[in-house]
Amino acid sequence: MSIEGGIPGHQQRLVCPNCGKVFFAWRPDELPGQKVKCYFCKHEFADDAALRPPPPVPIAAEKPPAEAASTAAPANPPTSTQ
């Protein structure tokens, strides 16, 4: 979590592919694929997180909770035999 704005994320050590210098950049958790600009030569590049495909969505997360609960309920409630 950043101190300045409360944005969840972390600092990452990066090496510029253009000039080869090492620098640190803030990587927010919400936008891991955001491009980075080198502090020294101003070359903009995509780091390894930006080049990875997004993680697959779990099957349970695809349905809304109300719809998932309604499909799990039995179709006919049991009746009493009194």
PDB file of N, CA and C in Angstrom:
ATOM      1  N   MET A   1       0.861  -1.167   0.000  1.00  0.00           N
ATOM      2  CA  MET A   1       0.000   0.000   0.000  1.00  0.00           C
ATOM      3  C   MET A   1       0.907   1.229   0.000  1.00  0.00           C
ATOM      4  N   SER A   2       0.615   2.151  -0.897  1.00  0.00           N
ATOM      5  CA  SER A   2       1.438   3.345  -0.979  1.00  0.00           C
ATOM      6  C   SER A   2       1.139   4.278   0.188  1.00  0.00           C
ATOM      7  N   ILE A   3       2.116   5.047   0.555  1.00  0.00           N
ATOM      8  CA  ILE A   3       1.958   5.998   1.652  1.00  0.00           C
ATOM      9  C   ILE A   3       1.198   7.232   1.180  1.00  0.00           C
ATOM     10  N   GLU A   4       1.451   7.660  -0.055  1.00  0.00           N
ATOM     11  CA  GLU A   4       0.885   8.906  -0.550  1.00  0.00           C
ATOM     12  C   GLU A   4      -0.628   8.843  -0.752  1.00  0.00           C
ATOM     13  N   GLY A   5      -1.099   7.865  -1.525  1.00  0.00           N
ATOM     14  CA  GLY A   5      -2.501   7.875  -1.887  1.00  0.00           C
ATOM     15  C   GLY A   5      -3.292   6.682  -1.428  1.00  0.00           C
ATOM     16  N   GLY A   6      -2.674   5.729  -0.750  1.00  0.00           N
ATOM     17  CA  GLY A   6      -3.399   4.558  -0.310  1.00  0.00           C
ATOM     18  C   GLY A   6      -3.732   3.592  -1.431  1.00  0.00           C
ATOM     19  N   ILE A   7      -2.930   3.584  -2.494  1.00  0.00           N
ATOM     20  CA  ILE A   7      -3.175   2.695  -3.622  1.00  0.00           C
ATOM     21  C   ILE A   7      -2.522   1.350  -3.329  1.00  0.00           C
ATOM     22  N   PRO A   8      -3.271   0.239  -3.393  1.00  0.00           N
ATOM     23  CA  PRO A   8      -2.651  -1.064  -3.152  1.00  0.00           C
ATOM     24  C   PRO A   8      -1.702  -1.426  -4.301  1.00  0.00           C
ATOM     25  N   GLY A   9      -0.522  -1.870  -3.940  1.00  0.00           N
ATOM     26  CA  GLY A   9       0.480  -2.240  -4.934  1.00  0.00           C
ATOM     27  C   GLY A   9       1.825  -2.437  -4.273  1.00  0.00           C
ATOM     28  N   HIS A  10       2.878  -2.426  -5.079  1.00  0.00           N
ATOM     29  CA  HIS A  10       4.226  -2.621  -4.560  1.00  0.00           C
ATOM     30  C   HIS A  10       5.234  -1.969  -5.483  1.00  0.00           C
ATOM     31  N   GLN A  11       6.447  -1.735  -4.964  1.00  0.00           N
ATOM     32  CA  GLN A  11       7.537  -1.228  -5.785  1.00  0.00           C
ATOM     33  C   GLN A  11       8.244  -2.401  -6.425  1.00  0.00           C
ATOM     34  N   GLN A  12       8.641  -2.225  -7.672  1.00  0.00           N
ATOM     35  CA  GLN A  12       9.304  -3.293  -8.389  1.00  0.00           C
ATOM     36  C   GLN A  12      10.608  -2.767  -8.970  1.00  0.00           C
ATOM     37  N   ARG A  13      11.641  -3.592  -8.881  1.00  0.00           N
ATOM     38  CA  ARG A  13      12.942  -3.254  -9.463  1.00  0.00           C
ATOM     39  C   ARG A  13      12.897  -3.596 -10.938  1.00  0.00           C
ATOM     40  N   LEU A  14      13.195  -2.620 -11.788  1.00  0.00           N
ATOM     41  CA  LEU A  14      13.147  -2.810 -13.230  1.00  0.00           C
ATOM     42  C   LEU A  14      14.482  -2.438 -13.854  1.00  0.00           C
ATOM     43  N   VAL A  15      14.792  -3.074 -14.977  1.00  0.00           N
ATOM     44  CA  VAL A  15      15.980  -2.752 -15.754  1.00  0.00           C
ATOM     45  C   VAL A  15      15.502  -2.272 -17.117  1.00  0.00           C
ATOM     46  N   CYS A  16      15.932  -1.080 -17.520  1.00  0.00           N
ATOM     47  CA  CYS A  16      15.509  -0.519 -18.792  1.00  0.00           C
ATOM     48  C   CYS A  16      16.157  -1.298 -19.939  1.00  0.00           C
ATOM     49  N   PRO A  17      15.349  -1.770 -20.914  1.00  0.00           N
ATOM     50  CA  PRO A  17      15.933  -2.490 -22.045  1.00  0.00           C
ATOM     51  C   PRO A  17      16.680  -1.570 -23.005  1.00  0.00           C
ATOM     52  N   ASN A  18      16.461  -0.255 -22.900  1.00  0.00           N
ATOM     53  CA  ASN A  18      17.103   0.696 -23.799  1.00  0.00           C
ATOM     54  C   ASN A  18      18.482   1.125 -23.293  1.00  0.00           C
ATOM     55  N   CYS A  19      18.558   1.584 -22.032  1.00  0.00           N
ATOM     56  CA  CYS A  19      19.829   2.087 -21.505  1.00  0.00           C
ATOM     57  C   CYS A  19      20.484   1.124 -20.520  1.00  0.00           C
ATOM     58  N   GLY A  20      19.754   0.131 -20.008  1.00  0.00           N
ATOM     59  CA  GLY A  20      20.323  -0.870 -19.115  1.00  0.00           C
ATOM     60  C   GLY A  20      20.432  -0.445 -17.666  1.00  0.00           C
ATOM     61  N   LYS A  21      19.938   0.737 -17.314  1.00  0.00           N
ATOM     62  CA  LYS A  21      20.017   1.203 -15.925  1.00  0.00           C
ATOM     63  C   LYS A  21      18.879   0.615 -15.101  1.00  0.00           C
ATOM     64  N   VAL A  22      19.140   0.481 -13.807  1.00  0.00           N
ATOM     65  CA  VAL A  22      18.174  -0.095 -12.865  1.00  0.00           C
ATOM     66  C   VAL A  22      17.440   1.036 -12.159  1.00  0.00           C
ATOM     67  N   PHE A  23      16.117   0.888 -12.032  1.00  0.00           N
ATOM     68  CA  PHE A  23      15.312   1.852 -11.289  1.00  0.00           C
ATOM     69  C   PHE A  23      14.129   1.127 -10.667  1.00  0.00           C
ATOM     70  N   PHE A  24      13.438   1.786  -9.763  1.00  0.00           N
ATOM     71  CA  PHE A  24      12.266   1.218  -9.093  1.00  0.00           C
ATOM     72  C   PHE A  24      11.027   1.975  -9.550  1.00  0.00           C
ATOM     73  N   ALA A  25       9.946   1.235  -9.765  1.00  0.00           N
ATOM     74  CA  ALA A  25       8.686   1.847 -10.172  1.00  0.00           C
ATOM     75  C   ALA A  25       7.557   1.242  -9.353  1.00  0.00           C
ATOM     76  N   TRP A  26       6.541   2.044  -9.080  1.00  0.00           N
ATOM     77  CA  TRP A  26       5.375   1.598  -8.339  1.00  0.00           C
ATOM     78  C   TRP A  26       4.476   0.825  -9.288  1.00  0.00           C
ATOM     79  N   ARG A  27       4.069  -0.369  -8.881  1.00  0.00           N
ATOM     80  CA  ARG A  27       3.203  -1.218  -9.695  1.00  0.00           C
ATOM     81  C   ARG A  27       1.890  -1.418  -8.952  1.00  0.00           C
ATOM     82  N   PRO A  28       0.793  -0.755  -9.372  1.00  0.00           N
ATOM     83  CA  PRO A  28      -0.488  -0.939  -8.695  1.00  0.00           C
ATOM     84  C   PRO A  28      -1.041  -2.335  -8.935  1.00  0.00           C
ATOM     85  N   ASP A  29      -1.746  -2.885  -7.942  1.00  0.00           N
ATOM     86  CA  ASP A  29      -2.332  -4.218  -8.053  1.00  0.00           C
ATOM     87  C   ASP A  29      -3.462  -4.268  -9.083  1.00  0.00           C
ATOM     88  N   GLU A  30      -4.211  -3.158  -9.243  1.00  0.00           N
ATOM     89  CA  GLU A  30      -5.338  -3.148 -10.173  1.00  0.00           C
ATOM     90  C   GLU A  30      -4.885  -3.139 -11.626  1.00  0.00           C
ATOM     91  N   LEU A  31      -3.758  -2.526 -11.925  1.00  0.00           N
ATOM     92  CA  LEU A  31      -3.275  -2.402 -13.303  1.00  0.00           C
ATOM     93  C   LEU A  31      -1.872  -2.979 -13.431  1.00  0.00           C
ATOM     94  N   PRO A  32      -1.713  -4.293 -13.319  1.00  0.00           N
ATOM     95  CA  PRO A  32      -0.363  -4.849 -13.391  1.00  0.00           C
ATOM     96  C   PRO A  32       0.270  -4.726 -14.765  1.00  0.00           C
ATOM     97  N   GLY A  33      -0.522  -4.503 -15.797  1.00  0.00           N
ATOM     98  CA  GLY A  33       0.006  -4.421 -17.145  1.00  0.00           C
ATOM     99  C   GLY A  33       0.301  -3.018 -17.626  1.00  0.00           C
ATOM    100  N   GLN A  34       0.307  -2.056 -16.741  1.00  0.00           N
ATOM    101  CA  GLN A  34       0.555  -0.673 -17.108  1.00  0.00           C
ATOM    102  C   GLN A  34       1.989  -0.512 -17.590  1.00  0.00           C
ATOM    103  N   LYS A  35       2.217   0.306 -18.635  1.00  0.00           N
ATOM    104  CA  LYS A  35       3.560   0.526 -19.153  1.00  0.00           C
ATOM    105  C   LYS A  35       4.374   1.361 -18.168  1.00  0.00           C
ATOM    106  N   VAL A  36       5.703   1.220 -18.254  1.00  0.00           N
ATOM    107  CA  VAL A  36       6.628   1.905 -17.355  1.00  0.00           C
ATOM    108  C   VAL A  36       7.529   2.794 -18.190  1.00  0.00           C
ATOM    109  N   LYS A  37       7.889   3.968 -17.643  1.00  0.00           N
ATOM    110  CA  LYS A  37       8.804   4.867 -18.330  1.00  0.00           C
ATOM    111  C   LYS A  37      10.100   4.926 -17.537  1.00  0.00           C
ATOM    112  N   CYS A  38      11.230   4.723 -18.216  1.00  0.00           N
ATOM    113  CA  CYS A  38      12.542   4.756 -17.567  1.00  0.00           C
ATOM    114  C   CYS A  38      12.800   6.157 -17.022  1.00  0.00           C
ATOM    115  N   TYR A  39      13.302   6.223 -15.798  1.00  0.00           N
ATOM    116  CA  TYR A  39      13.589   7.511 -15.169  1.00  0.00           C
ATOM    117  C   TYR A  39      14.787   8.204 -15.808  1.00  0.00           C
ATOM    118  N   PHE A  40      15.647   7.456 -16.459  1.00  0.00           N
ATOM    119  CA  PHE A  40      16.891   8.016 -16.975  1.00  0.00           C
ATOM    120  C   PHE A  40      16.788   8.427 -18.448  1.00  0.00           C
ATOM    121  N   CYS A  41      16.333   7.515 -19.310  1.00  0.00           N
ATOM    122  CA  CYS A  41      16.299   7.820 -20.745  1.00  0.00           C
ATOM    123  C   CYS A  41      14.888   8.105 -21.263  1.00  0.00           C
ATOM    124  N   LYS A  42      13.876   7.982 -20.402  1.00  0.00           N
ATOM    125  CA  LYS A  42      12.461   8.242 -20.724  1.00  0.00           C
ATOM    126  C   LYS A  42      11.897   7.273 -21.761  1.00  0.00           C
ATOM    127  N   HIS A  43      12.527   6.110 -21.929  1.00  0.00           N
ATOM    128  CA  HIS A  43      12.018   5.073 -22.832  1.00  0.00           C
ATOM    129  C   HIS A  43      10.830   4.385 -22.165  1.00  0.00           C
ATOM    130  N   GLU A  44       9.700   4.286 -22.870  1.00  0.00           N
ATOM    131  CA  GLU A  44       8.511   3.636 -22.322  1.00  0.00           C
ATOM    132  C   GLU A  44       8.478   2.188 -22.793  1.00  0.00           C
ATOM    133  N   PHE A  45       8.283   1.272 -21.843  1.00  0.00           N
ATOM    134  CA  PHE A  45       8.269  -0.146 -22.179  1.00  0.00           C
ATOM    135  C   PHE A  45       7.299  -0.878 -21.276  1.00  0.00           C
ATOM    136  N   ALA A  46       6.946  -2.086 -21.713  1.00  0.00           N
ATOM    137  CA  ALA A  46       6.056  -2.943 -20.935  1.00  0.00           C
ATOM    138  C   ALA A  46       6.919  -3.953 -20.187  1.00  0.00           C
ATOM    139  N   ASP A  47       6.717  -4.077 -18.876  1.00  0.00           N
ATOM    140  CA  ASP A  47       7.489  -5.043 -18.098  1.00  0.00           C
ATOM    141  C   ASP A  47       6.892  -6.435 -18.268  1.00  0.00           C
ATOM    142  N   ASP A  48       7.457  -7.415 -17.584  1.00  0.00           N
ATOM    143  CA  ASP A  48       6.987  -8.795 -17.742  1.00  0.00           C
ATOM    144  C   ASP A  48       5.538  -8.974 -17.294  1.00  0.00           C
ATOM    145  N   ALA A  49       5.071  -8.191 -16.329  1.00  0.00           N
ATOM    146  CA  ALA A  49       3.676  -8.292 -15.885  1.00  0.00           C
ATOM    147  C   ALA A  49       2.722  -7.823 -16.977  1.00  0.00           C
ATOM    148  N   ALA A  50       3.133  -6.851 -17.757  1.00  0.00           N
ATOM    149  CA  ALA A  50       2.282  -6.347 -18.828  1.00  0.00           C
ATOM    150  C   ALA A  50       2.198  -7.330 -19.988  1.00  0.00           C
ATOM    151  N   LEU A  51       3.221  -8.145 -20.159  1.00  0.00           N
ATOM    152  CA  LEU A  51       3.255  -9.081 -21.278  1.00  0.00           C
ATOM    153  C   LEU A  51       2.535 -10.392 -20.975  1.00  0.00           C
ATOM    154  N   ARG A  52       2.284 -10.678 -19.686  1.00  0.00           N
ATOM    155  CA  ARG A  52       1.590 -11.912 -19.310  1.00  0.00           C
ATOM    156  C   ARG A  52       0.101 -11.804 -19.607  1.00  0.00           C
ATOM    157  N   PRO A  53      -0.547 -12.906 -20.002  1.00  0.00           N
ATOM    158  CA  PRO A  53      -2.004 -12.858 -20.189  1.00  0.00           C
ATOM    159  C   PRO A  53      -2.696 -12.723 -18.838  1.00  0.00           C
ATOM    160  N   PRO A  54      -3.901 -12.138 -18.807  1.00  0.00           N
ATOM    161  CA  PRO A  54      -4.611 -12.009 -17.530  1.00  0.00           C
ATOM    162  C   PRO A  54      -4.960 -13.379 -16.964  1.00  0.00           C
ATOM    163  N   PRO A  55      -5.048 -13.496 -15.632  1.00  0.00           N
ATOM    164  CA  PRO A  55      -5.373 -14.792 -15.033  1.00  0.00           C
ATOM    165  C   PRO A  55      -6.778 -15.219 -15.409  1.00  0.00           C
ATOM    166  N   PRO A  56      -7.022 -16.528 -15.531  1.00  0.00           N
ATOM    167  CA  PRO A  56      -8.366 -16.996 -15.884  1.00  0.00           C
ATOM    168  C   PRO A  56      -9.350 -16.725 -14.757  1.00  0.00           C
ATOM    169  N   VAL A  57     -10.589 -16.448 -15.139  1.00  0.00           N
ATOM    170  CA  VAL A  57     -11.639 -16.161 -14.161  1.00  0.00           C
ATOM    171  C   VAL A  57     -12.170 -17.488 -13.641  1.00  0.00           C
ATOM    172  N   PRO A  58     -12.244 -17.675 -12.311  1.00  0.00           N
ATOM    173  CA  PRO A  58     -12.817 -18.917 -11.780  1.00  0.00           C
ATOM    174  C   PRO A  58     -14.261 -19.084 -12.224  1.00  0.00           C
ATOM    175  N   ILE A  59     -14.701 -20.328 -12.377  1.00  0.00           N
ATOM    176  CA  ILE A  59     -16.054 -20.622 -12.862  1.00  0.00           C
ATOM    177  C   ILE A  59     -17.108 -20.106 -11.882  1.00  0.00           C
ATOM    178  N   ALA A  60     -16.860 -20.236 -10.585  1.00  0.00           N
ATOM    179  CA  ALA A  60     -17.833 -19.788  -9.580  1.00  0.00           C
ATOM    180  C   ALA A  60     -18.003 -18.276  -9.617  1.00  0.00           C
ATOM    181  N   ALA A  61     -16.977 -17.532 -10.027  1.00  0.00           N
ATOM    182  CA  ALA A  61     -17.062 -16.074 -10.040  1.00  0.00           C
ATOM    183  C   ALA A  61     -17.813 -15.550 -11.255  1.00  0.00           C
ATOM    184  N   GLU A  62     -18.062 -16.382 -12.256  1.00  0.00           N
ATOM    185  CA  GLU A  62     -18.755 -15.924 -13.451  1.00  0.00           C
ATOM    186  C   GLU A  62     -20.239 -15.670 -13.194  1.00  0.00           C
ATOM    187  N   LYS A  63     -20.881 -16.436 -12.302  1.00  0.00           N
ATOM    188  CA  LYS A  63     -22.293 -16.261 -12.006  1.00  0.00           C
ATOM    189  C   LYS A  63     -22.470 -15.311 -10.837  1.00  0.00           C
ATOM    190  N   PRO A  64     -23.516 -14.475 -10.861  1.00  0.00           N
ATOM    191  CA  PRO A  64     -23.802 -13.647  -9.684  1.00  0.00           C
ATOM    192  C   PRO A  64     -24.185 -14.533  -8.504  1.00  0.00           C
ATOM    193  N   PRO A  65     -23.935 -14.110  -7.273  1.00  0.00           N
ATOM    194  CA  PRO A  65     -24.247 -14.942  -6.100  1.00  0.00           C
ATOM    195  C   PRO A  65     -25.704 -15.361  -6.019  1.00  0.00           C
ATOM    196  N   ALA A  66     -26.651 -14.500  -6.397  1.00  0.00           N
ATOM    197  CA  ALA A  66     -28.068 -14.847  -6.317  1.00  0.00           C
ATOM    198  C   ALA A  66     -28.407 -15.954  -7.312  1.00  0.00           C
ATOM    199  N   GLU A  67     -27.835 -15.876  -8.501  1.00  0.00           N
ATOM    200  CA  GLU A  67     -28.104 -16.892  -9.509  1.00  0.00           C
ATOM    201  C   GLU A  67     -27.468 -18.222  -9.126  1.00  0.00           C
ATOM    202  N   ALA A  68     -26.271 -18.182  -8.562  1.00  0.00           N
ATOM    203  CA  ALA A  68     -25.592 -19.405  -8.147  1.00  0.00           C
ATOM    204  C   ALA A  68     -26.362 -20.092  -7.014  1.00  0.00           C
ATOM    205  N   ALA A  69     -26.941 -19.310  -6.102  1.00  0.00           N
ATOM    206  CA  ALA A  69     -27.702 -19.883  -4.993  1.00  0.00           C
ATOM    207  C   ALA A  69     -29.015 -20.487  -5.480  1.00  0.00           C
ATOM    208  N   SER A  70     -29.634 -19.854  -6.476  1.00  0.00           N
ATOM    209  CA  SER A  70     -30.911 -20.375  -6.965  1.00  0.00           C
ATOM    210  C   SER A  70     -30.733 -21.676  -7.725  1.00  0.00           C
ATOM    211  N   THR A  71     -29.594 -21.872  -8.386  1.00  0.00           N
ATOM    212  CA  THR A  71     -29.365 -23.123  -9.105  1.00  0.00           C
ATOM    213  C   THR A  71     -29.020 -24.256  -8.155  1.00  0.00           C
ATOM    214  N   ALA A  72     -28.532 -23.939  -6.964  1.00  0.00           N
ATOM    215  CA  ALA A  72     -28.172 -24.965  -5.997  1.00  0.00           C
ATOM    216  C   ALA A  72     -29.393 -25.439  -5.188  1.00  0.00           C
ATOM    217  N   ALA A  73     -30.467 -24.657  -5.153  1.00  0.00           N
ATOM    218  CA  ALA A  73     -31.656 -25.018  -4.378  1.00  0.00           C
ATOM    219  C   ALA A  73     -32.417 -26.135  -5.091  1.00  0.00           C
ATOM    220  N   PRO A  74     -33.043 -27.070  -4.328  1.00  0.00           N
ATOM    221  CA  PRO A  74     -33.807 -28.145  -4.964  1.00  0.00           C
ATOM    222  C   PRO A  74     -35.040 -27.574  -5.662  1.00  0.00           C
ATOM    223  N   ALA A  75     -35.440 -28.221  -6.760  1.00  0.00           N
ATOM    224  CA  ALA A  75     -36.578 -27.743  -7.554  1.00  0.00           C
ATOM    225  C   ALA A  75     -37.888 -27.954  -6.804  1.00  0.00           C
ATOM    226  N   ASN A  76     -38.092 -29.113  -6.175  1.00  0.00           N
ATOM    227  CA  ASN A  76     -39.337 -29.415  -5.444  1.00  0.00           C
ATOM    228  C   ASN A  76     -39.007 -29.621  -3.967  1.00  0.00           C
ATOM    229  N   PRO A  77     -39.553 -28.773  -3.083  1.00  0.00           N
ATOM    230  CA  PRO A  77     -39.284 -28.972  -1.651  1.00  0.00           C
ATOM    231  C   PRO A  77     -39.976 -30.240  -1.162  1.00  0.00           C
ATOM    232  N   PRO A  78     -39.417 -30.912  -0.172  1.00  0.00           N
ATOM    233  CA  PRO A  78     -40.043 -32.138   0.331  1.00  0.00           C
ATOM    234  C   PRO A  78     -41.391 -31.824   0.990  1.00  0.00           C
ATOM    235  N   THR A  79     -42.331 -32.736   0.841  1.00  0.00           N
ATOM    236  CA  THR A  79     -43.673 -32.550   1.441  1.00  0.00           C
ATOM    237  C   THR A  79     -43.822 -33.501   2.625  1.00  0.00           C
ATOM    238  N   SER A  80     -44.643 -33.131   3.551  1.00  0.00           N
ATOM    239  CA  SER A  80     -44.871 -33.972   4.713  1.00  0.00           C
ATOM    240  C   SER A  80     -45.922 -35.042   4.368  1.00  0.00           C
ATOM    241  N   THR A  81     -45.842 -36.201   4.993  1.00  0.00           N
ATOM    242  CA  THR A  81     -46.757 -37.305   4.705  1.00  0.00           C
ATOM    243  C   THR A  81     -47.694 -37.553   5.893  1.00  0.00           C
ATOM    244  N   GLN A  82     -48.161 -36.558   6.559  1.00  0.00           N
ATOM    245  CA  GLN A  82     -49.035 -36.713   7.719  1.00  0.00           C
ATOM    246  C   GLN A  82     -50.474 -36.823   7.340  1.00  0.00           C
TER     247      GLN A  82
END
